[in-house]
Amino acid sequence: MQQMIGPMRFAYTDIIAITSHFRDKLGQGGYGSVYKGVLLPGNLHIAVKMLTGSSSCNGDEFISEVSTIGRIHHVNVVHLVGFCSEEMRRALVYEFMPRGSLDKYIFSSEKTFSWDKLNEIALGIARGINYLHQGCEMQILHFDIKPHNILLDENFVPKVADFGLAKLYPRDKSFVPVSAARGTIGYIAPEMISRSFGVISSKSDVYSFGMLLLEMAGGRRNADPNAANSSQAYYPSRVYRELTRRETSEISDIADMHELEKKLCIVGLWCIQMRSCDRPTMSEVIEMLEGGTNELQVPPRPFFCDDEQFPGVESYNMPSDLTAISEEHEDDDDDESICLFESYQ
């Protein structure tokens, strides 16, 4: 019955009891601290984020928004169990993800997952994002898709987490105000920086997902400042060059590329097309990941893979609010990363 009507509301005294007086701290982020707890009866392990700072909405708005998020039930989206809103004390209670976040596995020096498992994880993430875009009463734009915000349960099933930057929009609303645009450097879609690339929309999440896919395929961050030479520093550019060398007589690493690795790369390159209208929807991404590699065509060259700069765009200086958000998330990345959830604003 509780799942049908939304998340449970806890008193602050309940939160203290659940966390054993905040004994087991999991991490610290820009929006607050996360503590492990146990919910009785049933000994359900949960993660409690105590929100800090002033909220942009009043208590009634906070409860309304949290209730909307709490009604989301999808195997690939982290479930909000409950919340606390008592005077200035606010908390979010989530299901606990014992395997932590995806980044600590894909950036490991050892190959943690097989290609089949990586493809399965990629599909799960895509289904979770697509559900947020299409399966809810209101369209939810995440605005911060990255490996750190993908959590894994005990069976390594991926779940989209961290709705701190998400916003609710009617699905027929094509225009999203620029004030809503947030994200992390390295995953932010071009239209978040300049409207000359298109309007901010669900395709902005598609771009971030594409950057995530390329990092999953490469087992490294897309931008590597420690690369031996500049041609190896930016992974999407390197992958695009390798994929397009098939039609030439040049010796290429493409022959050594696993079919599923190739699929993740091609789909990722489609997702990071510069103009939002050139990117697939998340439902189309799912079809591409479910299909065979031979059915996929290498997309046009993404701008970031070009040697020459895009005409009329001299630099990509982040707006101050985006930079601030990115810095807050960099603090999160240093944490244990078992359960770094951001508050739903």
Protein backbone atom coordinates (compact mmCIF):
# COMPACT_ATOMS: atom_id res chain seq x y z
CA MET A 1 0.00 0.00 0.00
CA GLN A 2 2.83 2.37 0.84
CA GLN A 3 4.40 1.81 -2.59
CA MET A 4 1.11 2.72 -4.21
CA ILE A 5 0.65 6.04 -2.42
CA GLY A 6 4.25 7.23 -2.43
CA PRO A 7 7.21 7.54 -0.07
CA MET A 8 6.91 7.27 3.70
CA ARG A 9 7.19 10.37 5.82
CA PHE A 10 9.54 10.06 8.78
CA ALA A 11 9.82 12.18 11.88
CA TYR A 12 13.30 13.45 12.72
CA THR A 13 13.34 11.14 15.74
CA ASP A 14 12.75 8.24 13.33
CA ILE A 15 15.77 9.31 11.26
CA ILE A 16 17.92 9.37 14.39
CA ALA A 17 16.80 5.84 15.28
CA ILE A 18 17.19 4.48 11.74
CA THR A 19 20.78 5.75 11.50
CA SER A 20 21.70 4.89 15.12
CA HIS A 21 22.39 8.57 15.81
CA PHE A 22 24.17 8.99 12.43
CA ARG A 23 26.82 6.44 13.36
CA ASP A 24 27.79 5.08 9.90
CA LYS A 25 28.63 7.90 7.50
CA LEU A 26 28.88 6.85 3.85
CA GLY A 27 29.87 10.10 2.23
CA GLN A 28 29.75 13.87 2.08
CA GLY A 29 28.47 15.86 -0.87
CA GLY A 30 27.52 19.35 -1.85
CA TYR A 31 23.94 18.86 -0.69
CA GLY A 32 24.59 17.04 2.57
CA SER A 33 25.91 13.95 4.28
CA VAL A 34 24.82 10.36 3.61
CA TYR A 35 24.43 7.81 6.40
CA LYS A 36 23.71 4.10 6.34
CA GLY A 37 20.70 2.93 8.25
CA VAL A 38 18.38 0.01 8.91
CA LEU A 39 14.63 0.23 8.58
CA LEU A 40 12.52 -2.00 10.82
CA PRO A 41 10.71 -4.31 10.56
CA GLY A 42 12.45 -6.35 7.91
CA ASN A 43 15.99 -5.04 8.46
CA LEU A 44 15.90 -3.12 5.18
CA HIS A 45 19.25 -1.41 4.58
CA ILE A 46 18.79 2.16 3.48
CA ALA A 47 20.83 5.31 2.87
CA VAL A 48 19.77 8.57 4.49
CA LYS A 49 20.87 11.89 3.03
CA MET A 50 20.59 14.78 5.46
CA LEU A 51 20.13 17.90 3.36
CA THR A 52 22.07 21.02 4.27
CA GLY A 53 21.62 24.64 3.32
CA SER A 54 18.48 26.53 2.48
CA SER A 55 16.09 24.98 0.03
CA SER A 56 14.68 26.91 -2.92
CA CYS A 57 11.19 25.64 -2.11
CA ASN A 58 9.04 25.73 1.00
CA GLY A 59 8.00 22.69 2.98
CA ASP A 60 4.83 22.01 1.02
CA GLU A 61 6.66 22.23 -2.32
CA PHE A 62 9.41 19.96 -1.04
CA ILE A 63 6.88 17.34 0.03
CA SER A 64 5.02 17.59 -3.29
CA GLU A 65 8.17 17.16 -5.36
CA VAL A 66 9.51 14.34 -3.20
CA SER A 67 6.16 12.56 -3.44
CA THR A 68 6.34 12.70 -7.23
CA ILE A 69 9.83 11.19 -7.26
CA GLY A 70 8.79 8.64 -4.65
CA ARG A 71 6.14 7.20 -6.94
CA ILE A 72 8.77 6.18 -9.48
CA HIS A 73 9.23 2.42 -9.55
CA HIS A 74 11.62 1.05 -12.13
CA VAL A 75 14.26 -1.65 -11.85
CA ASN A 76 16.91 0.74 -13.22
CA VAL A 77 16.09 3.79 -11.09
CA VAL A 78 17.06 4.11 -7.43
CA HIS A 79 13.95 4.02 -5.28
CA LEU A 80 13.14 6.78 -2.82
CA VAL A 81 11.80 5.02 0.26
CA GLY A 82 10.85 8.09 2.26
CA PHE A 83 11.68 11.57 3.46
CA CYS A 84 11.72 13.85 6.48
CA SER A 85 10.55 17.46 6.50
CA GLU A 86 10.42 18.87 9.99
CA GLU A 87 11.02 22.59 10.31
CA MET A 88 14.52 23.13 8.82
CA ARG A 89 15.46 19.46 9.01
CA ARG A 90 15.07 17.64 5.71
CA ALA A 91 16.23 14.20 4.69
CA LEU A 92 15.81 11.75 1.83
CA VAL A 93 15.73 8.01 2.47
CA TYR A 94 16.84 5.74 -0.39
CA GLU A 95 17.33 2.05 -0.94
CA PHE A 96 20.93 1.06 -0.22
CA MET A 97 23.15 0.07 -3.15
CA PRO A 98 25.79 -2.34 -1.80
CA ARG A 99 28.01 -2.45 -4.90
CA GLY A 100 28.56 1.27 -5.02
CA SER A 101 28.88 3.39 -8.15
CA LEU A 102 29.85 2.35 -11.66
CA ASP A 103 32.91 4.57 -11.90
CA LYS A 104 34.99 2.52 -9.49
CA TYR A 105 34.52 -0.53 -11.73
CA ILE A 106 34.95 0.87 -15.25
CA PHE A 107 37.97 2.97 -14.29
CA SER A 108 39.64 0.09 -12.46
CA SER A 109 43.09 -1.06 -13.60
CA GLU A 110 41.64 -4.56 -13.86
CA LYS A 111 38.91 -5.39 -16.35
CA THR A 112 36.01 -5.93 -13.96
CA PHE A 113 33.18 -6.76 -16.37
CA SER A 114 32.97 -8.86 -19.52
CA TRP A 115 31.75 -7.14 -22.69
CA ASP A 116 28.44 -8.95 -22.36
CA LYS A 117 28.03 -7.60 -18.83
CA LEU A 118 29.00 -4.08 -19.89
CA ASN A 119 26.43 -4.18 -22.69
CA GLU A 120 23.83 -5.43 -20.20
CA ILE A 121 24.67 -2.60 -17.79
CA ALA A 122 24.53 -0.05 -20.61
CA LEU A 123 21.07 -1.31 -21.59
CA GLY A 124 19.86 -1.08 -18.00
CA ILE A 125 21.05 2.51 -17.68
CA ALA A 126 19.41 3.41 -21.00
CA ARG A 127 16.12 1.88 -19.86
CA GLY A 128 16.25 3.79 -16.59
CA ILE A 129 16.85 7.14 -18.34
CA ASN A 130 14.17 6.37 -20.92
CA TYR A 131 11.71 5.68 -18.11
CA LEU A 132 12.46 9.07 -16.58
CA HIS A 133 11.89 10.69 -19.98
CA GLN A 134 8.84 8.75 -21.12
CA GLY A 135 7.43 6.47 -18.42
CA CYS A 136 6.50 8.95 -15.69
CA GLU A 137 3.52 11.21 -15.28
CA MET A 138 5.93 14.12 -15.67
CA GLN A 139 9.05 14.05 -17.80
CA ILE A 140 12.15 13.99 -15.60
CA LEU A 141 15.35 15.43 -17.02
CA HIS A 142 18.33 14.27 -15.00
CA PHE A 143 20.99 16.75 -16.22
CA ASP A 144 23.88 14.90 -14.55
CA ILE A 145 24.26 11.44 -16.11
CA LYS A 146 27.78 10.15 -15.42
CA PRO A 147 29.38 6.94 -14.06
CA HIS A 148 29.41 8.29 -10.52
CA ASN A 149 25.62 8.64 -10.55
CA ILE A 150 24.96 5.07 -11.67
CA LEU A 151 24.68 2.78 -8.64
CA LEU A 152 24.81 -1.01 -8.63
CA ASP A 153 22.78 -3.41 -6.48
CA GLU A 154 24.08 -6.71 -5.13
CA ASN A 155 23.59 -8.35 -8.56
CA PHE A 156 25.28 -5.45 -10.39
CA VAL A 157 21.96 -4.25 -11.79
CA PRO A 158 22.49 -0.55 -12.63
CA LYS A 159 20.22 2.12 -11.20
CA VAL A 160 20.12 5.78 -12.16
CA ALA A 161 20.62 7.88 -9.04
CA ASP A 162 21.16 11.47 -7.95
CA PHE A 163 18.17 13.59 -8.82
CA GLY A 164 19.70 16.71 -7.29
CA LEU A 165 19.85 18.33 -10.71
CA ALA A 166 16.68 16.82 -12.11
CA LYS A 167 13.59 18.80 -12.95
CA LEU A 168 10.02 17.87 -13.76
CA TYR A 169 8.59 19.00 -17.08
CA PRO A 170 5.46 18.14 -19.07
CA ARG A 171 6.43 15.92 -21.99
CA ASP A 172 4.90 18.36 -24.47
CA LYS A 173 7.12 21.17 -23.22
CA SER A 174 9.96 21.50 -25.71
CA PHE A 175 11.72 24.45 -24.09
CA VAL A 176 13.62 24.15 -20.83
CA PRO A 177 14.82 27.39 -19.19
CA VAL A 178 18.59 27.83 -19.12
CA SER A 179 18.43 28.32 -15.34
CA ALA A 180 17.55 24.62 -15.10
CA ALA A 181 20.67 23.55 -16.97
CA ARG A 182 23.18 22.00 -14.62
CA GLY A 183 25.74 19.27 -14.96
CA THR A 184 29.34 18.13 -14.64
CA ILE A 185 32.14 19.21 -16.94
CA GLY A 186 32.95 16.45 -19.41
CA TYR A 187 29.35 15.28 -19.68
CA ILE A 188 27.48 18.54 -20.34
CA ALA A 189 25.74 18.77 -23.72
CA PRO A 190 26.81 21.69 -25.96
CA GLU A 191 23.37 23.32 -25.83
CA MET A 192 23.81 23.70 -22.07
CA ILE A 193 26.61 26.12 -22.87
CA SER A 194 25.40 27.78 -26.07
CA ARG A 195 21.91 27.82 -27.54
CA SER A 196 23.47 27.86 -31.03
CA PHE A 197 23.61 24.05 -30.69
CA GLY A 198 19.89 23.71 -29.95
CA VAL A 199 17.48 23.90 -27.03
CA ILE A 200 17.93 22.12 -23.72
CA SER A 201 15.79 18.98 -23.69
CA SER A 202 15.85 15.24 -23.01
CA LYS A 203 18.51 15.08 -25.76
CA SER A 204 20.85 16.76 -23.27
CA ASP A 205 20.69 13.59 -21.17
CA VAL A 206 21.32 11.57 -24.34
CA TYR A 207 24.59 13.43 -24.85
CA SER A 208 25.72 12.72 -21.29
CA PHE A 209 24.79 9.06 -21.71
CA GLY A 210 26.91 8.92 -24.87
CA MET A 211 29.93 10.19 -22.98
CA LEU A 212 29.22 7.57 -20.31
CA LEU A 213 29.04 4.81 -22.96
CA LEU A 214 32.41 5.80 -24.41
CA GLU A 215 33.99 5.69 -20.96
CA MET A 216 32.50 2.24 -20.37
CA ALA A 217 33.91 1.05 -23.70
CA GLY A 218 37.34 2.59 -23.19
CA GLY A 219 37.68 1.72 -19.51
CA ARG A 220 39.06 5.22 -19.00
CA ARG A 221 37.89 8.78 -18.70
CA ASN A 222 37.25 10.45 -22.04
CA ALA A 223 39.75 13.20 -21.36
CA ASP A 224 43.11 11.90 -20.16
CA PRO A 225 45.54 14.70 -19.25
CA ASN A 226 48.25 12.09 -18.64
CA ALA A 227 48.10 10.61 -22.16
CA ALA A 228 51.45 10.22 -23.92
CA ASN A 229 50.37 12.41 -26.82
CA SER A 230 47.47 14.65 -27.74
CA SER A 231 46.03 12.16 -30.22
CA GLN A 232 45.44 9.73 -27.37
CA ALA A 233 44.22 12.31 -24.84
CA TYR A 234 40.60 12.54 -26.01
CA TYR A 235 39.09 9.08 -26.28
CA PRO A 236 36.02 9.91 -28.45
CA SER A 237 38.32 11.42 -31.08
CA ARG A 238 40.61 8.39 -31.03
CA VAL A 239 37.66 5.97 -31.32
CA TYR A 240 36.17 7.89 -34.24
CA ARG A 241 39.49 7.80 -36.11
CA GLU A 242 39.83 4.06 -35.53
CA LEU A 243 36.29 3.30 -36.66
CA THR A 244 36.64 5.33 -39.85
CA ARG A 245 39.98 3.74 -40.81
CA ARG A 246 38.20 0.54 -41.78
CA GLU A 247 37.71 1.91 -45.28
CA THR A 248 41.39 2.70 -45.76
CA SER A 249 44.49 0.56 -45.99
CA GLU A 250 45.88 1.96 -42.76
CA ILE A 251 46.69 -0.50 -39.99
CA SER A 252 44.10 -0.02 -37.29
CA ASP A 253 43.31 -1.29 -33.84
CA ILE A 254 39.76 -1.89 -35.05
CA ALA A 255 40.55 -5.53 -35.84
CA ASP A 256 41.22 -6.09 -32.15
CA MET A 257 38.02 -4.38 -31.07
CA HIS A 258 35.37 -6.67 -29.58
CA GLU A 259 31.99 -6.50 -31.34
CA LEU A 260 30.23 -5.26 -28.21
CA GLU A 261 32.98 -2.70 -27.61
CA LYS A 262 32.45 -1.49 -31.16
CA LYS A 263 28.70 -1.26 -30.55
CA LEU A 264 29.09 0.81 -27.39
CA CYS A 265 31.47 3.15 -29.23
CA ILE A 266 29.23 3.65 -32.27
CA VAL A 267 26.11 4.25 -30.14
CA GLY A 268 28.11 6.60 -27.93
CA LEU A 269 29.29 8.61 -30.95
CA TRP A 270 25.71 8.94 -32.18
CA CYS A 271 24.67 10.23 -28.76
CA ILE A 272 27.35 12.95 -28.64
CA GLN A 273 26.44 14.57 -31.93
CA MET A 274 26.78 18.32 -31.50
CA ARG A 275 23.29 19.31 -32.59
CA SER A 276 20.62 17.85 -30.35
CA CYS A 277 18.37 17.09 -33.32
CA ASP A 278 21.04 14.74 -34.71
CA ARG A 279 21.07 12.57 -31.58
CA PRO A 280 18.79 9.56 -31.11
CA THR A 281 16.13 9.46 -28.39
CA MET A 282 16.72 7.12 -25.47
CA SER A 283 14.17 4.67 -26.88
CA GLU A 284 16.16 4.62 -30.14
CA VAL A 285 19.35 4.12 -28.15
CA ILE A 286 17.79 1.06 -26.51
CA GLU A 287 16.96 -0.37 -29.95
CA MET A 288 20.55 0.20 -31.08
CA LEU A 289 21.99 -1.51 -28.00
CA GLU A 290 19.59 -4.44 -28.37
CA GLY A 291 20.41 -4.90 -32.06
CA GLY A 292 23.46 -6.27 -33.80
CA THR A 293 26.64 -4.34 -34.50
CA ASN A 294 26.44 -4.95 -38.25
CA GLU A 295 23.22 -2.95 -38.37
CA LEU A 296 24.92 0.18 -37.01
CA GLN A 297 26.54 2.82 -39.16
CA VAL A 298 29.34 5.05 -37.93
CA PRO A 299 27.78 8.50 -37.40
CA PRO A 300 28.99 11.80 -38.83
CA ARG A 301 32.06 13.21 -37.15
CA PRO A 302 31.16 14.78 -33.80
CA PHE A 303 32.59 18.27 -33.47
CA PHE A 304 34.74 17.40 -30.49
CA CYS A 305 36.54 14.92 -32.70
CA ASP A 306 37.53 17.65 -35.16
CA ASP A 307 40.97 19.17 -35.18
CA GLU A 308 39.60 22.57 -36.12
CA GLN A 309 37.41 24.56 -33.79
CA PHE A 310 33.75 25.03 -34.58
CA PRO A 311 33.21 28.29 -36.48
CA GLY A 312 32.08 31.13 -34.26
CA VAL A 313 32.83 29.33 -31.00
CA GLU A 314 36.09 30.49 -29.52
CA SER A 315 35.99 28.68 -26.23
CA TYR A 316 33.82 26.67 -23.89
CA ASN A 317 33.97 28.60 -20.67
CA MET A 318 31.46 27.20 -18.22
CA PRO A 319 28.83 29.53 -16.81
CA SER A 320 29.51 30.19 -13.15
CA ASP A 321 26.56 28.13 -11.94
CA LEU A 322 27.66 25.10 -13.96
CA THR A 323 31.20 25.41 -12.69
CA ALA A 324 29.98 25.61 -9.12
CA ILE A 325 27.87 22.51 -9.55
CA SER A 326 30.81 20.68 -11.11
CA GLU A 327 33.04 21.57 -8.19
CA GLU A 328 30.46 20.28 -5.75
CA HIS A 329 30.34 16.99 -7.59
CA GLU A 330 34.12 16.72 -7.66
CA ASP A 331 33.91 16.66 -3.88
CA ASP A 332 31.43 13.81 -4.16
CA ASP A 333 33.76 11.81 -6.38
CA ASP A 334 36.30 11.57 -3.59
CA ASP A 335 33.82 9.81 -1.33
CA GLU A 336 33.28 6.11 -0.78
CA SER A 337 30.64 6.45 -3.54
CA ILE A 338 28.39 3.74 -2.16
CA CYS A 339 25.42 6.03 -2.10
CA LEU A 340 26.06 9.61 -3.10
CA PHE A 341 22.58 10.93 -3.74
CA GLU A 342 21.85 14.58 -4.29
CA SER A 343 18.71 16.22 -2.98
CA TYR A 344 15.81 16.71 -5.29
CA GLN A 345 15.48 20.48 -5.48
